[in-house]
Amino acid sequence: MGTLLNLAALDPDGVEIIIPWGEMDVGSSVFIPCINTIEAMRQVRTITKFWGWRVHGKAMAENDIWGLRIWRIT
């Protein structure tokens, strides 16, 4: 996973994915394409804990691509 200097980075499958966390408002969501959705959620929780947010995640397919959709709830 990204360092503290790059706290926006996820890499659940070994490929870095940058999420613009600072642009997320309560109620917004983002889809993270990945196979290892459990690791993705672990990394998301680590990052959102830093921001002081709670999120809800759901593993799902969107447009035939497997991944994790997360919603910011606080």
N, C-alpha and C. Protein backbone atom coordinates (compact mmCIF):
# COMPACT_ATOMS: atom_id res chain seq x y z
N MET A 1 0.85 -1.19 0.00
CA MET A 1 0.00 0.00 0.00
C MET A 1 0.88 1.23 0.00
N GLY A 2 0.34 2.35 -0.43
CA GLY A 2 1.08 3.60 -0.48
C GLY A 2 1.62 4.02 0.87
N THR A 3 2.63 4.83 0.85
CA THR A 3 3.23 5.35 2.07
C THR A 3 2.37 6.48 2.61
N LEU A 4 2.77 7.03 3.76
CA LEU A 4 2.05 8.18 4.29
C LEU A 4 2.09 9.37 3.34
N LEU A 5 3.14 9.46 2.52
CA LEU A 5 3.21 10.54 1.55
C LEU A 5 2.19 10.35 0.43
N ASN A 6 1.76 9.12 0.23
CA ASN A 6 0.80 8.83 -0.83
C ASN A 6 -0.36 8.05 -0.24
N LEU A 7 -1.07 8.66 0.69
CA LEU A 7 -2.13 7.97 1.40
C LEU A 7 -3.36 7.73 0.53
N ALA A 8 -3.35 8.20 -0.69
CA ALA A 8 -4.49 7.99 -1.58
C ALA A 8 -4.38 6.67 -2.32
N ALA A 9 -3.23 6.02 -2.27
CA ALA A 9 -2.98 4.84 -3.10
C ALA A 9 -3.47 3.55 -2.46
N LEU A 10 -4.11 2.74 -3.28
CA LEU A 10 -4.48 1.38 -2.91
C LEU A 10 -3.73 0.44 -3.86
N ASP A 11 -3.45 -0.76 -3.41
CA ASP A 11 -2.86 -1.75 -4.31
C ASP A 11 -3.27 -3.17 -3.93
N PRO A 12 -4.58 -3.45 -3.88
CA PRO A 12 -5.04 -4.75 -3.41
C PRO A 12 -4.59 -5.92 -4.29
N ASP A 13 -4.36 -5.67 -5.56
CA ASP A 13 -3.91 -6.73 -6.48
C ASP A 13 -2.49 -6.49 -6.96
N GLY A 14 -1.78 -5.54 -6.34
CA GLY A 14 -0.41 -5.25 -6.75
C GLY A 14 -0.29 -4.15 -7.79
N VAL A 15 -1.42 -3.59 -8.21
CA VAL A 15 -1.43 -2.48 -9.16
C VAL A 15 -1.95 -1.25 -8.42
N GLU A 16 -1.17 -0.17 -8.43
CA GLU A 16 -1.56 1.02 -7.67
C GLU A 16 -2.78 1.70 -8.27
N ILE A 17 -3.73 2.03 -7.40
CA ILE A 17 -4.95 2.74 -7.77
C ILE A 17 -5.00 3.99 -6.90
N ILE A 18 -5.13 5.15 -7.53
CA ILE A 18 -5.20 6.42 -6.80
C ILE A 18 -6.66 6.85 -6.70
N ILE A 19 -7.10 7.12 -5.47
CA ILE A 19 -8.46 7.58 -5.22
C ILE A 19 -8.38 9.04 -4.75
N PRO A 20 -9.15 9.95 -5.33
CA PRO A 20 -9.14 11.34 -4.87
C PRO A 20 -9.99 11.51 -3.60
N TRP A 21 -9.48 11.00 -2.48
CA TRP A 21 -10.23 10.99 -1.22
C TRP A 21 -10.72 12.37 -0.82
N GLY A 22 -9.92 13.40 -1.03
CA GLY A 22 -10.28 14.74 -0.62
C GLY A 22 -11.51 15.28 -1.33
N GLU A 23 -11.90 14.67 -2.43
CA GLU A 23 -13.08 15.11 -3.18
C GLU A 23 -14.35 14.39 -2.76
N MET A 24 -14.23 13.40 -1.85
CA MET A 24 -15.41 12.63 -1.45
C MET A 24 -16.19 13.33 -0.36
N ASP A 25 -17.48 13.52 -0.61
CA ASP A 25 -18.41 14.07 0.38
C ASP A 25 -19.20 12.92 0.98
N VAL A 26 -19.86 13.17 2.11
CA VAL A 26 -20.75 12.18 2.70
C VAL A 26 -21.81 11.81 1.66
N GLY A 27 -22.00 10.52 1.46
CA GLY A 27 -22.98 10.03 0.48
C GLY A 27 -22.37 9.70 -0.87
N SER A 28 -21.15 10.17 -1.15
CA SER A 28 -20.55 9.85 -2.44
C SER A 28 -19.93 8.46 -2.40
N SER A 29 -19.70 7.91 -3.59
CA SER A 29 -19.15 6.57 -3.68
C SER A 29 -18.11 6.52 -4.79
N VAL A 30 -17.31 5.45 -4.75
CA VAL A 30 -16.31 5.21 -5.78
C VAL A 30 -16.22 3.71 -5.99
N PHE A 31 -16.01 3.31 -7.24
CA PHE A 31 -15.83 1.90 -7.58
C PHE A 31 -14.34 1.65 -7.77
N ILE A 32 -13.84 0.62 -7.08
CA ILE A 32 -12.43 0.26 -7.15
C ILE A 32 -12.35 -1.09 -7.87
N PRO A 33 -11.89 -1.11 -9.12
CA PRO A 33 -11.79 -2.39 -9.82
C PRO A 33 -10.65 -3.22 -9.23
N CYS A 34 -10.97 -4.44 -8.78
CA CYS A 34 -9.96 -5.31 -8.19
C CYS A 34 -10.54 -6.71 -8.03
N ILE A 35 -9.66 -7.68 -7.86
CA ILE A 35 -10.06 -9.05 -7.58
C ILE A 35 -10.11 -9.28 -6.07
N ASN A 36 -9.09 -8.81 -5.37
CA ASN A 36 -8.97 -9.03 -3.93
C ASN A 36 -9.74 -7.94 -3.18
N THR A 37 -11.06 -8.10 -3.14
CA THR A 37 -11.91 -7.08 -2.52
C THR A 37 -11.73 -7.03 -1.00
N ILE A 38 -11.34 -8.13 -0.38
CA ILE A 38 -11.10 -8.13 1.07
C ILE A 38 -9.89 -7.26 1.39
N GLU A 39 -8.81 -7.41 0.64
CA GLU A 39 -7.62 -6.58 0.85
C GLU A 39 -7.92 -5.12 0.51
N ALA A 40 -8.71 -4.90 -0.54
CA ALA A 40 -9.08 -3.53 -0.91
C ALA A 40 -9.82 -2.87 0.24
N MET A 41 -10.76 -3.58 0.86
CA MET A 41 -11.52 -3.00 1.96
C MET A 41 -10.63 -2.74 3.16
N ARG A 42 -9.66 -3.64 3.42
CA ARG A 42 -8.73 -3.42 4.52
C ARG A 42 -7.94 -2.13 4.29
N GLN A 43 -7.46 -1.95 3.08
CA GLN A 43 -6.70 -0.74 2.76
C GLN A 43 -7.58 0.50 2.82
N VAL A 44 -8.80 0.40 2.33
CA VAL A 44 -9.74 1.53 2.40
C VAL A 44 -9.97 1.93 3.84
N ARG A 45 -10.19 0.96 4.72
CA ARG A 45 -10.44 1.27 6.14
C ARG A 45 -9.23 1.95 6.78
N THR A 46 -8.02 1.52 6.42
CA THR A 46 -6.81 2.16 6.95
C THR A 46 -6.76 3.63 6.52
N ILE A 47 -7.03 3.87 5.25
CA ILE A 47 -6.97 5.25 4.73
C ILE A 47 -8.09 6.10 5.32
N THR A 48 -9.31 5.58 5.34
CA THR A 48 -10.43 6.39 5.81
C THR A 48 -10.38 6.61 7.32
N LYS A 49 -9.71 5.73 8.04
CA LYS A 49 -9.49 5.96 9.47
C LYS A 49 -8.63 7.21 9.66
N PHE A 50 -7.63 7.39 8.79
CA PHE A 50 -6.79 8.58 8.82
C PHE A 50 -7.63 9.84 8.63
N TRP A 51 -8.62 9.78 7.73
CA TRP A 51 -9.49 10.92 7.45
C TRP A 51 -10.56 11.09 8.51
N GLY A 52 -10.77 10.07 9.35
CA GLY A 52 -11.81 10.12 10.37
C GLY A 52 -13.19 9.81 9.82
N TRP A 53 -13.25 9.06 8.71
CA TRP A 53 -14.50 8.73 8.06
C TRP A 53 -14.91 7.31 8.35
N ARG A 54 -16.22 7.05 8.20
CA ARG A 54 -16.75 5.69 8.14
C ARG A 54 -17.21 5.47 6.72
N VAL A 55 -16.99 4.25 6.24
CA VAL A 55 -17.40 3.89 4.88
C VAL A 55 -18.12 2.55 4.91
N HIS A 56 -18.91 2.33 3.90
CA HIS A 56 -19.56 1.04 3.68
C HIS A 56 -19.05 0.51 2.35
N GLY A 57 -18.69 -0.75 2.30
CA GLY A 57 -18.20 -1.34 1.06
C GLY A 57 -18.99 -2.56 0.65
N LYS A 58 -19.07 -2.78 -0.65
CA LYS A 58 -19.77 -3.95 -1.17
C LYS A 58 -19.02 -4.47 -2.40
N ALA A 59 -18.64 -5.75 -2.35
CA ALA A 59 -18.03 -6.39 -3.51
C ALA A 59 -19.11 -6.61 -4.55
N MET A 60 -18.81 -6.25 -5.81
CA MET A 60 -19.83 -6.35 -6.86
C MET A 60 -19.17 -6.26 -8.23
N ALA A 61 -19.93 -6.58 -9.24
CA ALA A 61 -19.49 -6.38 -10.62
C ALA A 61 -20.24 -5.18 -11.19
N GLU A 62 -19.50 -4.34 -11.88
CA GLU A 62 -20.09 -3.21 -12.60
C GLU A 62 -19.55 -3.23 -14.01
N ASN A 63 -20.45 -3.23 -14.97
CA ASN A 63 -20.05 -3.31 -16.39
C ASN A 63 -19.11 -4.49 -16.63
N ASP A 64 -19.44 -5.64 -16.03
CA ASP A 64 -18.68 -6.88 -16.16
C ASP A 64 -17.26 -6.80 -15.58
N ILE A 65 -17.03 -5.86 -14.68
CA ILE A 65 -15.72 -5.73 -14.01
C ILE A 65 -15.95 -5.94 -12.52
N TRP A 66 -15.18 -6.87 -11.92
CA TRP A 66 -15.30 -7.17 -10.51
C TRP A 66 -14.54 -6.12 -9.70
N GLY A 67 -15.09 -5.77 -8.55
CA GLY A 67 -14.41 -4.80 -7.70
C GLY A 67 -15.17 -4.51 -6.43
N LEU A 68 -14.85 -3.40 -5.84
CA LEU A 68 -15.42 -2.96 -4.58
C LEU A 68 -15.99 -1.57 -4.74
N ARG A 69 -17.26 -1.40 -4.42
CA ARG A 69 -17.84 -0.05 -4.38
C ARG A 69 -17.90 0.35 -2.92
N ILE A 70 -17.40 1.55 -2.64
CA ILE A 70 -17.45 2.06 -1.27
C ILE A 70 -18.24 3.36 -1.26
N TRP A 71 -18.95 3.57 -0.16
CA TRP A 71 -19.72 4.79 0.07
C TRP A 71 -19.20 5.45 1.33
N ARG A 72 -18.99 6.74 1.29
CA ARG A 72 -18.64 7.49 2.50
C ARG A 72 -19.93 7.75 3.27
N ILE A 73 -19.98 7.32 4.54
CA ILE A 73 -21.21 7.50 5.32
C ILE A 73 -21.05 8.51 6.44
N THR A 74 -19.83 8.91 6.80
CA THR A 74 -19.64 10.01 7.75
C THR A 74 -18.46 10.85 7.32
